């Protein structure tokens, strides 16, 4: 029984850690710096963030407009 519990915990930890490097939001790869952007005046340009399609919680893909409890 203890061995089974230990194996289940190892598998759960593995599943959690394999997607650890996938953030919930990522920079929009299609975003382009506006033509009138001036780094000296406006600062360094950063693309807007979008939902990461590969982000998962509890084995399910989650969307930002869905409550965390439903994931």
PDB file of N, CA and C in Angstrom:
ATOM      1  N   UNK A   1       0.824  -1.189   0.000  1.00  0.00           N
ATOM      2  CA  UNK A   1       0.000   0.000   0.000  1.00  0.00           C
ATOM      3  C   UNK A   1       0.870   1.254   0.000  1.00  0.00           C
ATOM      4  N   UNK A   2       1.905   1.293   0.829  1.00  0.00           N
ATOM      5  CA  UNK A   2       2.793   2.444   0.902  1.00  0.00           C
ATOM      6  C   UNK A   2       3.542   2.605  -0.417  1.00  0.00           C
ATOM      7  N   UNK A   3       3.971   1.498  -1.014  1.00  0.00           N
ATOM      8  CA  UNK A   3       4.696   1.550  -2.281  1.00  0.00           C
ATOM      9  C   UNK A   3       3.792   2.116  -3.370  1.00  0.00           C
ATOM     10  N   UNK A   4       2.540   1.689  -3.412  1.00  0.00           N
ATOM     11  CA  UNK A   4       1.590   2.201  -4.398  1.00  0.00           C
ATOM     12  C   UNK A   4       1.396   3.706  -4.233  1.00  0.00           C
ATOM     13  N   UNK A   5       1.222   4.170  -3.008  1.00  0.00           N
ATOM     14  CA  UNK A   5       1.049   5.593  -2.730  1.00  0.00           C
ATOM     15  C   UNK A   5       2.274   6.375  -3.192  1.00  0.00           C
ATOM     16  N   UNK A   6       3.447   5.848  -2.918  1.00  0.00           N
ATOM     17  CA  UNK A   6       4.689   6.496  -3.317  1.00  0.00           C
ATOM     18  C   UNK A   6       4.784   6.602  -4.839  1.00  0.00           C
ATOM     19  N   UNK A   7       4.392   5.540  -5.548  1.00  0.00           N
ATOM     20  CA  UNK A   7       4.425   5.542  -7.010  1.00  0.00           C
ATOM     21  C   UNK A   7       3.442   6.564  -7.570  1.00  0.00           C
ATOM     22  N   UNK A   8       2.267   6.661  -6.991  1.00  0.00           N
ATOM     23  CA  UNK A   8       1.266   7.633  -7.436  1.00  0.00           C
ATOM     24  C   UNK A   8       1.787   9.048  -7.229  1.00  0.00           C
ATOM     25  N   UNK A   9       2.431   9.301  -6.106  1.00  0.00           N
ATOM     26  CA  UNK A   9       2.975  10.633  -5.834  1.00  0.00           C
ATOM     27  C   UNK A   9       4.095  10.974  -6.814  1.00  0.00           C
ATOM     28  N   UNK A  10       4.930  10.015  -7.159  1.00  0.00           N
ATOM     29  CA  UNK A  10       6.002  10.256  -8.123  1.00  0.00           C
ATOM     30  C   UNK A  10       5.430  10.587  -9.496  1.00  0.00           C
ATOM     31  N   UNK A  11       4.425   9.846  -9.912  1.00  0.00           N
ATOM     32  CA  UNK A  11       3.793  10.093 -11.210  1.00  0.00           C
ATOM     33  C   UNK A  11       3.138  11.471 -11.217  1.00  0.00           C
ATOM     34  N   UNK A  12       2.445  11.831 -10.147  1.00  0.00           N
ATOM     35  CA  UNK A  12       1.802  13.136 -10.063  1.00  0.00           C
ATOM     36  C   UNK A  12       2.830  14.255 -10.150  1.00  0.00           C
ATOM     37  N   UNK A  13       3.921  14.113  -9.429  1.00  0.00           N
ATOM     38  CA  UNK A  13       4.976  15.121  -9.453  1.00  0.00           C
ATOM     39  C   UNK A  13       5.575  15.234 -10.848  1.00  0.00           C
ATOM     40  N   UNK A  14       5.789  14.108 -11.511  1.00  0.00           N
ATOM     41  CA  UNK A  14       6.324  14.122 -12.868  1.00  0.00           C
ATOM     42  C   UNK A  14       5.388  14.871 -13.810  1.00  0.00           C
ATOM     43  N   UNK A  15       4.092  14.616 -13.721  1.00  0.00           N
ATOM     44  CA  UNK A  15       3.121  15.285 -14.593  1.00  0.00           C
ATOM     45  C   UNK A  15       3.071  16.782 -14.340  1.00  0.00           C
ATOM     46  N   UNK A  16       3.235  17.180 -13.109  1.00  0.00           N
ATOM     47  CA  UNK A  16       3.245  18.608 -12.777  1.00  0.00           C
ATOM     48  C   UNK A  16       4.500  19.268 -13.324  1.00  0.00           C
ATOM     49  N   UNK A  17       5.649  18.636 -13.144  1.00  0.00           N
ATOM     50  CA  UNK A  17       6.922  19.238 -13.517  1.00  0.00           C
ATOM     51  C   UNK A  17       7.196  19.230 -15.012  1.00  0.00           C
ATOM     52  N   UNK A  18       6.584  18.337 -15.773  1.00  0.00           N
ATOM     53  CA  UNK A  18       6.903  18.287 -17.196  1.00  0.00           C
ATOM     54  C   UNK A  18       6.402  19.524 -17.932  1.00  0.00           C
ATOM     55  N   UNK A  19       5.373  20.191 -17.426  1.00  0.00           N
ATOM     56  CA  UNK A  19       4.881  21.423 -18.042  1.00  0.00           C
ATOM     57  C   UNK A  19       5.269  22.651 -17.234  1.00  0.00           C
ATOM     58  N   UNK A  20       6.218  22.524 -16.335  1.00  0.00           N
ATOM     59  CA  UNK A  20       6.600  23.615 -15.443  1.00  0.00           C
ATOM     60  C   UNK A  20       7.103  24.833 -16.214  1.00  0.00           C
ATOM     61  N   UNK A  21       7.773  24.609 -17.338  1.00  0.00           N
ATOM     62  CA  UNK A  21       8.379  25.713 -18.070  1.00  0.00           C
ATOM     63  C   UNK A  21       7.426  26.406 -19.034  1.00  0.00           C
ATOM     64  N   UNK A  22       6.146  26.059 -18.997  1.00  0.00           N
ATOM     65  CA  UNK A  22       5.172  26.673 -19.896  1.00  0.00           C
ATOM     66  C   UNK A  22       4.349  27.699 -19.131  1.00  0.00           C
ATOM     67  N   UNK A  23       4.627  29.001 -19.348  1.00  0.00           N
ATOM     68  CA  UNK A  23       3.918  30.051 -18.618  1.00  0.00           C
ATOM     69  C   UNK A  23       2.477  30.209 -19.092  1.00  0.00           C
ATOM     70  N   UNK A  24       1.655  30.843 -18.272  1.00  0.00           N
ATOM     71  CA  UNK A  24       0.254  31.049 -18.614  1.00  0.00           C
ATOM     72  C   UNK A  24       0.110  32.045 -19.766  1.00  0.00           C
ATOM     73  N   UNK A  25       0.949  33.061 -19.794  1.00  0.00           N
ATOM     74  CA  UNK A  25       0.903  34.076 -20.855  1.00  0.00           C
ATOM     75  C   UNK A  25       2.250  34.143 -21.550  1.00  0.00           C
ATOM     76  N   UNK A  26       2.203  34.390 -22.856  1.00  0.00           N
ATOM     77  CA  UNK A  26       3.417  34.502 -23.654  1.00  0.00           C
ATOM     78  C   UNK A  26       3.335  35.772 -24.509  1.00  0.00           C
ATOM     79  N   UNK A  27       4.480  36.310 -24.953  1.00  0.00           N
ATOM     80  CA  UNK A  27       4.441  37.456 -25.866  1.00  0.00           C
ATOM     81  C   UNK A  27       3.776  37.060 -27.182  1.00  0.00           C
ATOM     82  N   UNK A  28       2.971  37.949 -27.721  1.00  0.00           N
ATOM     83  CA  UNK A  28       2.273  37.698 -28.988  1.00  0.00           C
ATOM     84  C   UNK A  28       3.310  37.612 -30.111  1.00  0.00           C
ATOM     85  N   UNK A  29       3.446  36.432 -30.755  1.00  0.00           N
ATOM     86  CA  UNK A  29       4.463  36.289 -31.794  1.00  0.00           C
ATOM     87  C   UNK A  29       4.130  37.088 -33.053  1.00  0.00           C
ATOM     88  N   UNK A  30       2.860  37.469 -33.233  1.00  0.00           N
ATOM     89  CA  UNK A  30       2.449  38.217 -34.427  1.00  0.00           C
ATOM     90  C   UNK A  30       2.497  39.731 -34.227  1.00  0.00           C
ATOM     91  N   UNK A  31       2.759  40.169 -33.005  1.00  0.00           N
ATOM     92  CA  UNK A  31       2.779  41.604 -32.718  1.00  0.00           C
ATOM     93  C   UNK A  31       4.004  42.253 -33.344  1.00  0.00           C
ATOM     94  N   UNK A  32       3.795  43.461 -33.843  1.00  0.00           N
ATOM     95  CA  UNK A  32       4.897  44.208 -34.447  1.00  0.00           C
ATOM     96  C   UNK A  32       5.023  45.563 -33.761  1.00  0.00           C
ATOM     97  N   UNK A  33       6.227  46.025 -33.658  1.00  0.00           N
ATOM     98  CA  UNK A  33       6.505  47.324 -33.047  1.00  0.00           C
ATOM     99  C   UNK A  33       5.858  48.412 -33.910  1.00  0.00           C
ATOM    100  N   UNK A  34       5.092  49.319 -33.302  1.00  0.00           N
ATOM    101  CA  UNK A  34       4.462  50.389 -34.080  1.00  0.00           C
ATOM    102  C   UNK A  34       5.508  51.251 -34.787  1.00  0.00           C
ATOM    103  N   UNK A  35       5.157  51.723 -35.965  1.00  0.00           N
ATOM    104  CA  UNK A  35       6.088  52.545 -36.754  1.00  0.00           C
ATOM    105  C   UNK A  35       6.479  53.836 -36.036  1.00  0.00           C
ATOM    106  N   UNK A  36       5.556  54.379 -35.258  1.00  0.00           N
ATOM    107  CA  UNK A  36       5.833  55.649 -34.579  1.00  0.00           C
ATOM    108  C   UNK A  36       6.422  55.468 -33.179  1.00  0.00           C
ATOM    109  N   UNK A  37       6.857  54.264 -32.833  1.00  0.00           N
ATOM    110  CA  UNK A  37       7.437  54.000 -31.519  1.00  0.00           C
ATOM    111  C   UNK A  37       8.858  54.542 -31.468  1.00  0.00           C
ATOM    112  N   UNK A  38       9.152  55.323 -30.449  1.00  0.00           N
ATOM    113  CA  UNK A  38      10.488  55.898 -30.260  1.00  0.00           C
ATOM    114  C   UNK A  38      11.043  55.364 -28.937  1.00  0.00           C
ATOM    115  N   UNK A  39      12.093  54.561 -29.013  1.00  0.00           N
ATOM    116  CA  UNK A  39      12.659  53.930 -27.811  1.00  0.00           C
ATOM    117  C   UNK A  39      13.132  54.962 -26.792  1.00  0.00           C
ATOM    118  N   UNK A  40      13.645  56.088 -27.251  1.00  0.00           N
ATOM    119  CA  UNK A  40      14.133  57.108 -26.321  1.00  0.00           C
ATOM    120  C   UNK A  40      12.985  57.774 -25.565  1.00  0.00           C
ATOM    121  N   UNK A  41      11.873  57.971 -26.239  1.00  0.00           N
ATOM    122  CA  UNK A  41      10.728  58.637 -25.612  1.00  0.00           C
ATOM    123  C   UNK A  41       9.807  57.627 -24.915  1.00  0.00           C
ATOM    124  N   UNK A  42       9.481  56.558 -25.637  1.00  0.00           N
ATOM    125  CA  UNK A  42       8.485  55.589 -25.150  1.00  0.00           C
ATOM    126  C   UNK A  42       9.084  54.461 -24.320  1.00  0.00           C
ATOM    127  N   UNK A  43      10.385  54.289 -24.347  1.00  0.00           N
ATOM    128  CA  UNK A  43      11.015  53.173 -23.646  1.00  0.00           C
ATOM    129  C   UNK A  43      11.092  51.949 -24.546  1.00  0.00           C
ATOM    130  N   UNK A  44      11.658  50.896 -24.018  1.00  0.00           N
ATOM    131  CA  UNK A  44      11.801  49.674 -24.805  1.00  0.00           C
ATOM    132  C   UNK A  44      10.433  49.078 -25.096  1.00  0.00           C
ATOM    133  N   UNK A  45      10.187  48.728 -26.360  1.00  0.00           N
ATOM    134  CA  UNK A  45       8.898  48.154 -26.752  1.00  0.00           C
ATOM    135  C   UNK A  45       8.846  46.682 -26.383  1.00  0.00           C
ATOM    136  N   UNK A  46       7.724  46.271 -25.824  1.00  0.00           N
ATOM    137  CA  UNK A  46       7.488  44.869 -25.513  1.00  0.00           C
ATOM    138  C   UNK A  46       6.169  44.468 -26.145  1.00  0.00           C
ATOM    139  N   UNK A  47       6.120  43.312 -26.787  1.00  0.00           N
ATOM    140  CA  UNK A  47       4.864  42.886 -27.410  1.00  0.00           C
ATOM    141  C   UNK A  47       3.801  42.589 -26.348  1.00  0.00           C
ATOM    142  N   UNK A  48       2.530  42.720 -26.705  1.00  0.00           N
ATOM    143  CA  UNK A  48       1.472  42.401 -25.750  1.00  0.00           C
ATOM    144  C   UNK A  48       1.480  40.903 -25.423  1.00  0.00           C
ATOM    145  N   UNK A  49       0.975  40.573 -24.262  1.00  0.00           N
ATOM    146  CA  UNK A  49       0.925  39.179 -23.826  1.00  0.00           C
ATOM    147  C   UNK A  49      -0.404  38.553 -24.265  1.00  0.00           C
ATOM    148  N   UNK A  50      -0.348  37.275 -24.632  1.00  0.00           N
ATOM    149  CA  UNK A  50      -1.548  36.520 -24.993  1.00  0.00           C
ATOM    150  C   UNK A  50      -1.564  35.222 -24.188  1.00  0.00           C
ATOM    151  N   UNK A  51      -2.715  34.554 -24.163  1.00  0.00           N
ATOM    152  CA  UNK A  51      -2.820  33.266 -23.486  1.00  0.00           C
ATOM    153  C   UNK A  51      -1.945  32.239 -24.200  1.00  0.00           C
ATOM    154  N   UNK A  52      -1.230  31.444 -23.434  1.00  0.00           N
ATOM    155  CA  UNK A  52      -0.383  30.391 -23.983  1.00  0.00           C
ATOM    156  C   UNK A  52      -1.260  29.174 -24.263  1.00  0.00           C
ATOM    157  N   UNK A  53      -1.365  28.733 -25.517  1.00  0.00           N
ATOM    158  CA  UNK A  53      -2.199  27.573 -25.826  1.00  0.00           C
ATOM    159  C   UNK A  53      -1.675  26.272 -25.219  1.00  0.00           C
ATOM    160  N   UNK A  54      -0.396  26.247 -24.823  1.00  0.00           N
ATOM    161  CA  UNK A  54       0.186  25.037 -24.232  1.00  0.00           C
ATOM    162  C   UNK A  54       0.119  25.019 -22.710  1.00  0.00           C
ATOM    163  N   UNK A  55      -0.424  26.090 -22.102  1.00  0.00           N
ATOM    164  CA  UNK A  55      -0.490  26.164 -20.637  1.00  0.00           C
ATOM    165  C   UNK A  55      -1.579  25.239 -20.133  1.00  0.00           C
ATOM    166  N   UNK A  56      -1.232  24.408 -19.152  1.00  0.00           N
ATOM    167  CA  UNK A  56      -2.183  23.450 -18.597  1.00  0.00           C
ATOM    168  C   UNK A  56      -2.155  23.498 -17.080  1.00  0.00           C
ATOM    169  N   UNK A  57      -3.319  23.280 -16.481  1.00  0.00           N
ATOM    170  CA  UNK A  57      -3.437  23.156 -15.036  1.00  0.00           C
ATOM    171  C   UNK A  57      -4.187  21.865 -14.778  1.00  0.00           C
ATOM    172  N   UNK A  58      -3.592  20.982 -14.034  1.00  0.00           N
ATOM    173  CA  UNK A  58      -4.253  19.728 -13.709  1.00  0.00           C
ATOM    174  C   UNK A  58      -4.525  18.856 -14.919  1.00  0.00           C
ATOM    175  N   UNK A  59      -3.707  18.979 -15.956  1.00  0.00           N
ATOM    176  CA  UNK A  59      -3.865  18.141 -17.129  1.00  0.00           C
ATOM    177  C   UNK A  59      -4.856  18.681 -18.147  1.00  0.00           C
ATOM    178  N   UNK A  60      -5.507  19.797 -17.863  1.00  0.00           N
ATOM    179  CA  UNK A  60      -6.463  20.383 -18.800  1.00  0.00           C
ATOM    180  C   UNK A  60      -5.940  21.723 -19.285  1.00  0.00           C
ATOM    181  N   UNK A  61      -6.201  22.021 -20.544  1.00  0.00           N
ATOM    182  CA  UNK A  61      -5.847  23.333 -21.069  1.00  0.00           C
ATOM    183  C   UNK A  61      -6.831  24.338 -20.504  1.00  0.00           C
ATOM    184  N   UNK A  62      -6.310  25.446 -19.983  1.00  0.00           N
ATOM    185  CA  UNK A  62      -7.156  26.450 -19.338  1.00  0.00           C
ATOM    186  C   UNK A  62      -7.149  27.737 -20.133  1.00  0.00           C
ATOM    187  N   UNK A  63      -8.257  28.409 -20.133  1.00  0.00           N
ATOM    188  CA  UNK A  63      -8.378  29.733 -20.729  1.00  0.00           C
ATOM    189  C   UNK A  63      -8.519  30.732 -19.610  1.00  0.00           C
ATOM    190  N   UNK A  64      -8.098  31.967 -19.833  1.00  0.00           N
ATOM    191  CA  UNK A  64      -8.157  32.976 -18.799  1.00  0.00           C
ATOM    192  C   UNK A  64      -9.581  33.320 -18.390  1.00  0.00           C
ATOM    193  N   UNK A  65     -10.521  33.204 -19.321  1.00  0.00           N
ATOM    194  CA  UNK A  65     -11.900  33.585 -18.993  1.00  0.00           C
ATOM    195  C   UNK A  65     -12.643  32.474 -18.251  1.00  0.00           C
ATOM    196  N   UNK A  66     -11.990  31.356 -18.002  1.00  0.00           N
ATOM    197  CA  UNK A  66     -12.583  30.255 -17.248  1.00  0.00           C
ATOM    198  C   UNK A  66     -12.058  30.315 -15.820  1.00  0.00           C
ATOM    199  N   UNK A  67     -12.923  30.130 -14.865  1.00  0.00           N
ATOM    200  CA  UNK A  67     -12.464  30.190 -13.473  1.00  0.00           C
ATOM    201  C   UNK A  67     -11.496  29.057 -13.184  1.00  0.00           C
ATOM    202  N   UNK A  68     -10.564  29.308 -12.284  1.00  0.00           N
ATOM    203  CA  UNK A  68      -9.533  28.319 -11.949  1.00  0.00           C
ATOM    204  C   UNK A  68     -10.156  27.033 -11.421  1.00  0.00           C
ATOM    205  N   UNK A  69     -11.272  27.147 -10.721  1.00  0.00           N
ATOM    206  CA  UNK A  69     -11.906  25.978 -10.116  1.00  0.00           C
ATOM    207  C   UNK A  69     -12.381  24.982 -11.161  1.00  0.00           C
ATOM    208  N   UNK A  70     -12.638  25.431 -12.385  1.00  0.00           N
ATOM    209  CA  UNK A  70     -13.139  24.521 -13.397  1.00  0.00           C
ATOM    210  C   UNK A  70     -12.023  23.821 -14.166  1.00  0.00           C
ATOM    211  N   UNK A  71     -10.771  24.187 -13.912  1.00  0.00           N
ATOM    212  CA  UNK A  71      -9.644  23.564 -14.611  1.00  0.00           C
ATOM    213  C   UNK A  71      -9.231  22.284 -13.931  1.00  0.00           C
TER     214      UNK A  71
END
